Every structure is written in structure tokens, then in C-alpha cells.
């Protein structure tokens, strides 16, 4: 019976994004597991949670009891479902699944029941400063056999110009909702005309509009046949999804900020969303994510796990293993990685001819070069991109 002898946190930022990797070690020589606990904007708090609270709780416990240990971590602090705690739990939970696969001599997807598909369809991001820039980037991805593409004109909230900002206003990222809406409609019209109908287009509102503005935009975009419209409302305004679905046929994806089942249960069972796209570490790791995928399948809601560059390669590997197994898989977000990431994280998933693949090694099939990771230390600083404001200076959701 292998037991937990140590739990370490490895913080690294090879691409200038703070990543948190958890390494769970056992009393069997060479047997350890890796997990993702990345909360890129509160990394030191997650590190403290793991090292000061969860590690003492779990030392000398049986690594096989993943389900029991998850509930132990979840309930031990009494207050639960917070982002810092959930990400800390996630790192350990994923590492335990990695260990279980290694003990069994099987990839994690085999432990879940095997593959439902061989390769994973994915989407990539196109952010452009002009329509011609966007079209050029879309065409380049088409040549790589990428069939699903998220398009943004100036990233979230668009490119705002000629804003009349009051003197002495607080610093921040200012945006014009009206300009963003009109630019987005023009962008989809132009991309469809220039790039054709065969590609699947995605767009992320990122919660940056008022509900009535969002419904208007969704209705205007129907004619351009989106694969889905992402995060149309803040998680606190989930009731608006019922009204949106009643007025627009545009498929909806939501869940990036979700952290507990009460936020997604009614949306799934009432079919107010078409895709669930949580950040797996934000909900507590692989254990709750596989349960969520199975729950969503009963209502024909597909998965689209969150996969930007503030998910570590270990987290992406977990996304891929769950997506290989889940019958109701929809799409996977993939940001792409530099060569140095493949050096630091040998065995991480890779792209070939329009699909994501992983190896068939036991566990998640990924490792970490700790010495190389140390060469890319994290930088803890004030996050600026989330300081989003309307032209009059009012703070809005980022």
C-alpha cells in the first residue's frame, strides 16, 4: 500500500505566466504524481494552502483512496468551494490520479473506461488589430487543418477609440460596449465573406456586456453560424441564460469562473447552455471534473474545458485524458506552447494535423524537469488586465 510521504509545490513561469505544479511523492522509490494547481493571479496563496494545510493533513495516507481524500480536503477547512482551496485540492487530486495510473501501468483515460476517440478536435485563438490581420491569421490556421477558431477584434471588449474619459479617472482598461458590439458584428460578417463557411467560429464576450446588450449581439450573430458564444453573462447573472436561449439559436458555452456545482446544475439540467467549459483546477481537480462530464452527458451538454496559457501543461494533459474518454466531448481550447515548455514538461500533449494527441504512458504521461523549471521563476505582481472600466470610470467584470 503506497502512502504519501511528501507534497511539493513547483512554481515556474517559462512563458511569463505563473504556473503551479504539485508533486506528490510516495514511499515507493520513483513513484510520484504531478497535478496542476494553477491560479495564476494568487499563486502564493495556493502554495501556502498546499504546504501549510493540505500536506500535514495527507501525509502517511493511502494514495489509492482518491475519492475519500478529495472529500477530506474539501471539507477539512469547513468553508469550501473557494478558488484558492479548490486549486490547491486540484493539484493533489490530479497527482493522485497520475500515481494510480502509474501503479496500474495504464494511461488515466483507460482507468475511466478507455477512449471514445483517437484524436481531440480543438480550437485556437485569433486576436487581431484589424480585419485584414484577423483574416490573415484565420487563413494561416486553416492551412494547418485547424477547423475551429475563436476570433476577437482586439481581445476582450474590442479596441476602444476616442473615449471621453472624465479627468482624474482611475487607471484601468477602458472599453466602449457599443463600439465593441458593432465591431464584433462587422468582424463576423467580414470573416465569413473572406474565409468561407466551412470553418467553425467561436467568440468570447467574457462577461463584458449588460444582459440586454448580450442578447442583442447573440441574435445579430445567428446568421454567421457560430460554433458557440462564450461566457455571455457573469456567473452571478446565470438566470439571464434562460432568457437568452428563448430568443437566440446561437449555441452558448459557459463556466470558466465556476467553482461549485450549484453554479452549473440548473444550467445543465434545464439546457440553458450547450457547452460546459470549466477551469478544471478551479472546481477542485480531475475527480469533480469527471463527475461533471458524466452529469452533463445526461442532458446532451458537451464539454469544452478551459485551456488557455494559465492552465499548466499538466492541467492540459488532464483535459486531454478526460476528453479522450468522455462521450459528450465537444471541443478543447488549446493555446499552443513554445519549445521550452516541451523541454520542461516532457510527454505533454501535442498537435498533429488538426488534432491533439497524447502518449500512452501510464498516468497522465507527463513529467517535469525541475532544474530547468527553476530557471524561469515566477513574478508576483498586481494584475492589470482585470481592472476593466466603462468610459465613465465604472469598474466592470473583466
Protein backbone atom coordinates (compact mmCIF):
# COMPACT_ATOMS: atom_id res chain seq x y z
CA UNK A 1 0.00 0.00 0.00
CA UNK A 2 1.83 3.16 -1.16
CA UNK A 3 1.50 6.10 1.21
CA UNK A 4 2.08 9.84 0.75
CA UNK A 5 5.48 10.88 2.11
CA UNK A 6 5.78 14.43 0.73
CA UNK A 7 3.84 17.05 -1.22
CA UNK A 8 5.80 19.75 -3.04
CA UNK A 9 4.79 22.84 -4.99
CA UNK A 10 6.80 23.83 -8.04
CA UNK A 11 6.25 27.41 -9.24
CA UNK A 12 7.56 28.32 -12.69
CA UNK A 13 6.82 30.84 -15.44
CA UNK A 14 8.57 29.84 -18.71
CA UNK A 15 6.09 31.90 -20.79
CA UNK A 16 5.68 34.71 -18.23
CA UNK A 17 2.53 33.13 -16.79
CA UNK A 18 2.75 31.87 -13.21
CA UNK A 19 2.16 28.10 -13.12
CA UNK A 20 1.75 25.90 -10.04
CA UNK A 21 2.66 22.22 -10.30
CA UNK A 22 2.13 19.86 -7.38
CA UNK A 23 4.33 16.81 -6.89
CA UNK A 24 3.03 14.08 -4.59
CA UNK A 25 5.75 11.63 -3.53
CA UNK A 26 5.29 8.15 -2.06
CA UNK A 27 7.25 5.62 -0.02
CA UNK A 28 7.88 3.58 -3.19
CA UNK A 29 11.09 4.62 -4.90
CA UNK A 30 10.46 6.61 -8.08
CA UNK A 31 6.66 6.60 -7.67
CA UNK A 32 5.24 10.12 -7.71
CA UNK A 33 2.47 12.06 -9.41
CA UNK A 34 2.02 15.52 -10.89
CA UNK A 35 -1.00 17.79 -10.76
CA UNK A 36 -2.00 21.32 -11.78
CA UNK A 37 -2.96 23.88 -9.13
CA UNK A 38 -2.52 26.95 -11.31
CA UNK A 39 -4.29 30.07 -10.06
CA UNK A 40 -2.06 32.48 -11.96
CA UNK A 41 -3.07 35.60 -10.02
CA UNK A 42 -2.99 34.19 -6.45
CA UNK A 43 -0.16 31.68 -6.73
CA UNK A 44 1.41 32.31 -3.32
CA UNK A 45 -1.91 31.80 -1.55
CA UNK A 46 -2.36 28.42 -3.27
CA UNK A 47 1.21 27.44 -2.40
CA UNK A 48 0.56 28.28 1.24
CA UNK A 49 -2.69 26.30 1.29
CA UNK A 50 -0.93 23.20 -0.02
CA UNK A 51 2.18 23.36 2.12
CA UNK A 52 0.72 24.63 5.39
CA UNK A 53 -2.68 22.92 5.48
CA UNK A 54 -3.18 20.08 2.96
CA UNK A 55 0.26 18.50 3.24
CA UNK A 56 0.03 17.95 7.03
CA UNK A 57 -3.49 16.59 6.53
CA UNK A 58 -2.44 13.98 3.96
CA UNK A 59 0.98 12.72 4.99
CA UNK A 60 1.11 8.93 5.52
CA UNK A 61 -2.31 8.39 3.92
CA UNK A 62 -3.08 5.73 1.30
CA UNK A 63 -2.63 7.11 -2.24
CA UNK A 64 -5.31 4.78 -3.62
CA UNK A 65 -8.17 6.45 -1.72
CA UNK A 66 -8.63 9.32 -4.19
CA UNK A 67 -12.36 9.74 -3.59
CA UNK A 68 -12.05 9.77 0.18
CA UNK A 69 -9.03 12.08 0.15
CA UNK A 70 -10.80 14.56 -2.14
CA UNK A 71 -13.72 14.86 0.28
CA UNK A 72 -11.33 15.07 3.21
CA UNK A 73 -9.51 18.03 1.62
CA UNK A 74 -12.79 19.61 0.52
CA UNK A 75 -14.37 19.55 3.98
CA UNK A 76 -11.40 19.88 6.31
CA UNK A 77 -11.32 23.69 6.23
CA UNK A 78 -15.10 23.91 6.81
CA UNK A 79 -15.60 26.76 4.30
CA UNK A 80 -15.40 25.28 0.83
CA UNK A 81 -15.62 25.91 -2.92
CA UNK A 82 -13.24 28.88 -2.95
CA UNK A 83 -10.79 29.36 -5.78
CA UNK A 84 -7.64 29.14 -3.64
CA UNK A 85 -8.76 25.98 -1.83
CA UNK A 86 -10.09 24.31 -4.98
CA UNK A 87 -6.92 24.89 -6.95
CA UNK A 88 -4.83 23.54 -4.07
CA UNK A 89 -7.02 20.43 -3.87
CA UNK A 90 -6.81 20.05 -7.65
CA UNK A 91 -3.03 19.83 -7.69
CA UNK A 92 -3.05 16.95 -5.22
CA UNK A 93 -6.09 15.25 -6.75
CA UNK A 94 -4.57 15.18 -10.25
CA UNK A 95 -1.29 13.91 -8.85
CA UNK A 96 -3.10 11.02 -7.16
CA UNK A 97 -4.77 10.05 -10.45
CA UNK A 98 -1.33 10.20 -12.09
CA UNK A 99 0.02 7.86 -9.41
CA UNK A 100 -2.91 5.45 -9.74
CA UNK A 101 -2.31 5.20 -13.49
CA UNK A 102 1.38 4.51 -12.92
CA UNK A 103 0.61 1.77 -10.38
CA UNK A 104 -1.87 0.19 -12.81
CA UNK A 105 0.53 0.61 -15.74
CA UNK A 106 -2.23 2.39 -17.70
CA UNK A 107 -2.98 5.88 -19.03
CA UNK A 108 -5.60 7.67 -16.93
CA UNK A 109 -8.14 7.57 -19.77
CA UNK A 110 -8.04 3.77 -19.58
CA UNK A 111 -8.95 3.92 -15.89
CA UNK A 112 -12.11 5.84 -16.90
CA UNK A 113 -13.25 3.24 -19.44
CA UNK A 114 -10.99 3.87 -22.43
CA UNK A 115 -11.06 6.13 -25.45
CA UNK A 116 -14.18 7.44 -27.17
CA UNK A 117 -12.00 8.92 -29.93
CA UNK A 118 -8.37 8.80 -31.06
CA UNK A 119 -7.61 12.49 -31.52
CA UNK A 120 -9.03 15.61 -29.85
CA UNK A 121 -10.51 18.41 -32.01
CA UNK A 122 -9.50 21.79 -30.62
CA UNK A 123 -9.84 25.49 -31.22
CA UNK A 124 -7.19 28.17 -31.23
CA UNK A 125 -7.36 31.91 -30.73
CA UNK A 126 -7.10 34.66 -33.32
CA UNK A 127 -6.78 38.18 -31.95
CA UNK A 128 -6.24 40.94 -34.48
CA UNK A 129 -5.84 44.70 -34.56
CA UNK A 130 -7.59 44.97 -37.93
CA UNK A 131 -9.96 42.95 -40.09
CA UNK A 132 -7.18 42.12 -42.54
CA UNK A 133 -4.99 40.96 -39.65
CA UNK A 134 -7.76 38.67 -38.39
CA UNK A 135 -8.41 37.18 -41.83
CA UNK A 136 -4.70 36.56 -42.39
CA UNK A 137 -4.39 34.65 -39.10
CA UNK A 138 -7.55 32.62 -39.75
CA UNK A 139 -6.26 31.58 -43.16
CA UNK A 140 -2.93 30.53 -41.64
CA UNK A 141 -4.72 28.26 -39.16
CA UNK A 142 -6.90 26.80 -41.91
CA UNK A 143 -3.73 25.69 -43.71
CA UNK A 144 -2.76 23.79 -40.54
CA UNK A 145 -6.09 21.91 -40.64
CA UNK A 146 -7.44 23.79 -37.61
CA UNK A 147 -11.22 23.70 -38.10
CA UNK A 148 -12.37 25.65 -35.03
CA UNK A 149 -11.15 29.21 -34.45
CA UNK A 150 -12.04 31.81 -31.85
CA UNK A 151 -11.93 35.31 -33.32
CA UNK A 152 -11.61 38.54 -31.34
CA UNK A 153 -11.05 42.05 -32.64
CA UNK A 154 -8.65 43.37 -30.04
CA UNK A 155 -9.22 40.61 -27.48
CA UNK A 156 -11.91 41.00 -24.79
CA UNK A 157 -14.07 44.09 -25.14
CA UNK A 158 -12.59 45.05 -28.50
CA UNK A 159 -10.41 48.03 -29.35
CA UNK A 160 -11.87 51.22 -27.90
CA UNK A 161 -11.03 54.54 -29.53
CA UNK A 162 -11.94 58.18 -28.92
CA UNK A 163 -13.28 57.53 -25.44
CA UNK A 164 -14.38 60.58 -23.45
CA UNK A 165 -12.96 59.67 -20.06
CA UNK A 166 -13.53 62.15 -17.19
CA UNK A 167 -10.43 63.90 -15.77
CA UNK A 168 -8.87 62.26 -12.69
CA UNK A 169 -10.41 58.86 -13.53
CA UNK A 170 -8.78 55.79 -12.04
CA UNK A 171 -6.31 53.84 -14.23
CA UNK A 172 -7.60 50.73 -15.94
CA UNK A 173 -8.54 49.05 -19.23
CA UNK A 174 -11.31 51.20 -20.68
CA UNK A 175 -13.85 49.88 -23.18
CA UNK A 176 -16.92 51.02 -25.10
CA UNK A 177 -19.66 48.36 -25.13
CA UNK A 178 -21.42 49.92 -28.13
CA UNK A 179 -18.26 50.09 -30.20
CA UNK A 180 -17.38 46.51 -29.22
CA UNK A 181 -20.81 45.19 -30.29
CA UNK A 182 -20.76 46.92 -33.67
CA UNK A 183 -17.16 45.92 -34.37
CA UNK A 184 -17.88 42.29 -33.48
CA UNK A 185 -20.83 42.09 -35.87
CA UNK A 186 -18.71 43.59 -38.65
CA UNK A 187 -15.86 41.21 -37.86
CA UNK A 188 -18.04 38.10 -38.26
CA UNK A 189 -19.55 39.42 -41.47
CA UNK A 190 -16.10 40.10 -42.93
CA UNK A 191 -14.53 36.79 -41.80
CA UNK A 192 -17.41 34.75 -43.24
CA UNK A 193 -17.18 36.61 -46.54
CA UNK A 194 -13.40 36.24 -46.78
CA UNK A 195 -12.78 32.84 -45.17
CA UNK A 196 -15.88 30.86 -46.09
CA UNK A 197 -18.49 28.82 -44.25
CA UNK A 198 -16.56 25.60 -43.66
CA UNK A 199 -14.72 26.80 -40.54
CA UNK A 200 -16.33 26.79 -37.11
CA UNK A 201 -16.17 30.23 -35.46
CA UNK A 202 -16.20 31.00 -31.74
CA UNK A 203 -16.34 34.28 -29.85
CA UNK A 204 -15.81 35.15 -26.18
CA UNK A 205 -17.85 38.00 -24.69
CA UNK A 206 -16.01 37.43 -21.39
CA UNK A 207 -18.95 38.82 -19.39
CA UNK A 208 -18.25 42.37 -20.58
CA UNK A 209 -21.74 43.42 -21.66
CA UNK A 210 -25.02 44.16 -19.95
CA UNK A 211 -27.58 41.33 -20.37
CA UNK A 212 -29.75 43.13 -22.92
CA UNK A 213 -26.66 44.02 -24.96
CA UNK A 214 -25.56 40.40 -24.93
CA UNK A 215 -28.96 39.17 -26.17
CA UNK A 216 -28.88 41.71 -28.98
CA UNK A 217 -25.39 40.61 -30.04
CA UNK A 218 -26.28 36.91 -29.91
CA UNK A 219 -29.30 37.48 -32.15
CA UNK A 220 -27.26 39.51 -34.63
CA UNK A 221 -24.62 36.78 -34.83
CA UNK A 222 -27.09 33.97 -35.61
CA UNK A 223 -26.69 34.46 -39.36
CA UNK A 224 -22.95 33.74 -39.08
CA UNK A 225 -23.49 30.28 -37.53
CA UNK A 226 -21.22 30.35 -34.52
CA UNK A 227 -19.95 27.09 -33.05
CA UNK A 228 -20.63 28.81 -29.76
CA UNK A 229 -20.72 32.16 -27.97
CA UNK A 230 -18.70 32.02 -24.80
CA UNK A 231 -19.44 33.37 -21.31
CA UNK A 232 -22.24 35.76 -22.27
CA UNK A 233 -23.11 36.67 -18.65
CA UNK A 234 -21.29 36.90 -15.31
CA UNK A 235 -21.73 33.78 -13.19
CA UNK A 236 -23.77 35.89 -10.76
CA UNK A 237 -26.28 36.58 -13.57
CA UNK A 238 -26.84 32.99 -14.69
CA UNK A 239 -30.63 33.43 -14.69
CA UNK A 240 -30.30 35.51 -17.86
CA UNK A 241 -29.28 32.40 -19.80
CA UNK A 242 -32.90 31.23 -19.84
CA UNK A 243 -33.94 34.48 -21.49
CA UNK A 244 -31.08 34.29 -23.98
CA UNK A 245 -31.88 30.72 -25.03
CA UNK A 246 -35.52 31.70 -25.55
CA UNK A 247 -34.53 34.38 -28.07
CA UNK A 248 -31.47 33.10 -29.92
CA UNK A 249 -30.37 29.86 -31.58
CA UNK A 250 -26.68 30.72 -31.13
CA UNK A 251 -25.05 27.90 -29.07
CA UNK A 252 -23.84 29.03 -25.65
CA UNK A 253 -20.77 27.97 -23.66
CA UNK A 254 -20.32 28.96 -20.02
CA UNK A 255 -18.47 28.08 -16.86
CA UNK A 256 -14.94 29.47 -16.95
CA UNK A 257 -15.30 31.01 -13.49
CA UNK A 258 -17.49 28.32 -11.92
CA UNK A 259 -16.22 26.81 -8.69
CA UNK A 260 -19.06 24.72 -7.28
CA UNK A 261 -21.94 22.50 -8.50
CA UNK A 262 -24.67 24.96 -7.54
CA UNK A 263 -23.45 27.21 -10.36
CA UNK A 264 -23.86 24.66 -13.13
CA UNK A 265 -26.53 22.18 -12.03
CA UNK A 266 -29.62 24.14 -13.08
CA UNK A 267 -27.99 25.46 -16.24
CA UNK A 268 -27.24 21.93 -17.43
CA UNK A 269 -30.45 20.20 -16.40
CA UNK A 270 -32.57 22.99 -17.92
CA UNK A 271 -30.38 23.00 -21.05
CA UNK A 272 -29.68 26.72 -20.87
CA UNK A 273 -26.13 26.08 -22.11
CA UNK A 274 -24.81 23.87 -24.89
CA UNK A 275 -21.21 23.52 -23.63
CA UNK A 276 -19.77 23.42 -20.11
CA UNK A 277 -16.25 24.84 -20.03
CA UNK A 278 -14.97 24.97 -16.50
CA UNK A 279 -11.36 25.50 -15.49
CA UNK A 280 -10.74 22.03 -14.05
CA UNK A 281 -8.41 23.15 -11.25
CA UNK A 282 -10.89 25.88 -10.24
CA UNK A 283 -13.56 23.27 -9.42
CA UNK A 284 -11.19 21.06 -7.43
CA UNK A 285 -9.46 18.85 -9.97
CA UNK A 286 -9.93 15.71 -12.01
CA UNK A 287 -12.31 13.96 -9.60
CA UNK A 288 -15.13 16.56 -9.76
CA UNK A 289 -14.49 17.22 -13.47
CA UNK A 290 -15.14 13.61 -14.48
CA UNK A 291 -18.36 13.67 -12.42
CA UNK A 292 -19.38 16.92 -14.14
CA UNK A 293 -18.77 15.41 -17.58
CA UNK A 294 -20.96 12.41 -16.76
CA UNK A 295 -23.70 14.63 -15.33
CA UNK A 296 -23.67 16.88 -18.42
CA UNK A 297 -23.92 13.87 -20.73
CA UNK A 298 -27.38 13.05 -19.34
CA UNK A 299 -28.65 16.37 -20.72
CA UNK A 300 -26.75 16.36 -24.02
CA UNK A 301 -24.49 19.20 -22.87
CA UNK A 302 -20.99 18.88 -24.29
CA UNK A 303 -17.63 19.59 -22.65
CA UNK A 304 -15.21 22.33 -23.67
CA UNK A 305 -12.68 22.50 -20.85
CA UNK A 306 -10.91 25.82 -20.28
CA UNK A 307 -7.43 25.62 -21.81
CA UNK A 308 -5.55 28.95 -22.02
CA UNK A 309 -1.90 29.51 -21.12
CA UNK A 310 -2.77 29.88 -17.44
CA UNK A 311 -3.51 26.17 -17.36
CA UNK A 312 -0.21 24.33 -16.93
CA UNK A 313 0.85 21.56 -19.33
CA UNK A 314 -0.08 19.09 -16.58
CA UNK A 315 -3.57 20.60 -16.50
CA UNK A 316 -3.78 20.36 -20.29
CA UNK A 317 -2.80 16.70 -20.08
CA UNK A 318 -5.68 16.14 -17.64
CA UNK A 319 -8.03 17.97 -20.04
CA UNK A 320 -6.94 15.68 -22.87
CA UNK A 321 -7.32 12.43 -20.90
CA UNK A 322 -10.83 13.38 -19.78
CA UNK A 323 -11.72 14.47 -23.33
CA UNK A 324 -10.47 11.20 -24.81
CA UNK A 325 -12.86 9.30 -22.56
CA UNK A 326 -15.99 11.49 -22.35
CA UNK A 327 -18.67 10.52 -24.85
CA UNK A 328 -20.13 14.05 -24.67
CA UNK A 329 -16.86 15.79 -25.52
CA UNK A 330 -17.40 18.87 -27.67
CA UNK A 331 -14.17 20.81 -28.22
CA UNK A 332 -10.96 21.62 -26.35
CA UNK A 333 -9.34 25.02 -26.02
CA UNK A 334 -5.65 24.92 -26.92
CA UNK A 335 -3.32 27.89 -26.62
CA UNK A 336 -0.21 26.29 -28.10
CA UNK A 337 3.18 26.14 -26.39
CA UNK A 338 6.77 27.16 -27.10
CA UNK A 339 9.61 24.65 -27.45
CA UNK A 340 10.87 25.40 -23.94
CA UNK A 341 7.58 24.14 -22.48
CA UNK A 342 8.10 20.77 -24.16
CA UNK A 343 11.59 20.65 -22.65
CA UNK A 344 10.37 21.44 -19.14
CA UNK A 345 7.33 19.16 -19.43
CA UNK A 346 8.39 16.08 -21.43
CA UNK A 347 5.47 13.97 -22.55
CA UNK A 348 2.96 16.82 -22.75
CA UNK A 349 0.14 16.63 -25.36
CA UNK A 350 0.96 17.71 -28.90
CA UNK A 351 -0.82 18.83 -32.07
CA UNK A 352 -0.67 16.99 -35.39
CA UNK A 353 -2.75 17.76 -38.48
CA UNK A 354 -5.66 19.40 -36.68
CA UNK A 355 -5.90 17.11 -33.62
CA UNK A 356 -4.39 16.92 -30.13
CA UNK A 357 -2.76 13.65 -29.14
CA UNK A 358 -1.16 12.29 -26.00
CA UNK A 359 1.20 9.39 -25.43
CA UNK A 360 0.15 6.05 -23.97
CA UNK A 361 2.43 6.15 -20.95
CA UNK A 362 0.97 5.32 -17.53
CA UNK A 363 -0.76 8.10 -15.63
CA UNK A 364 -1.07 11.41 -17.45
CA UNK A 365 2.13 10.58 -19.37
CA UNK A 366 3.80 13.87 -18.47
CA UNK A 367 6.82 14.72 -16.33
CA UNK A 368 8.68 17.85 -15.25
CA UNK A 369 12.34 18.86 -15.45
CA UNK A 370 12.56 20.60 -12.08
CA UNK A 371 16.04 22.00 -12.59
CA UNK A 372 15.06 23.61 -15.87
CA UNK A 373 11.80 24.91 -14.36
CA UNK A 374 13.84 26.75 -11.69
CA UNK A 375 15.43 28.88 -14.41
CA UNK A 376 12.07 30.54 -15.02
CA UNK A 377 10.98 31.98 -11.67
CA UNK A 378 7.54 33.44 -11.16
CA UNK A 379 6.85 37.16 -10.74
CA UNK A 380 4.20 38.14 -8.24
CA UNK A 381 2.68 41.48 -9.25
CA UNK A 382 -0.58 43.40 -9.37
CA UNK A 383 -2.84 42.09 -12.16
CA UNK A 384 -3.76 44.90 -14.55
CA UNK A 385 -5.87 43.35 -17.29
CA UNK A 386 -8.71 42.66 -14.84
CA UNK A 387 -9.05 46.36 -13.98
CA UNK A 388 -11.72 46.90 -16.63
CA UNK A 389 -13.79 50.10 -16.77
CA UNK A 390 -16.55 51.80 -18.75
CA UNK A 391 -15.82 55.21 -20.32
CA UNK A 392 -17.16 56.99 -17.22
CA UNK A 393 -14.76 55.05 -15.00
CA UNK A 394 -17.12 52.41 -13.58
CA UNK A 395 -15.44 49.07 -12.87
CA UNK A 396 -16.98 46.11 -14.77
CA UNK A 397 -16.33 42.37 -14.91
CA UNK A 398 -13.01 41.61 -16.62
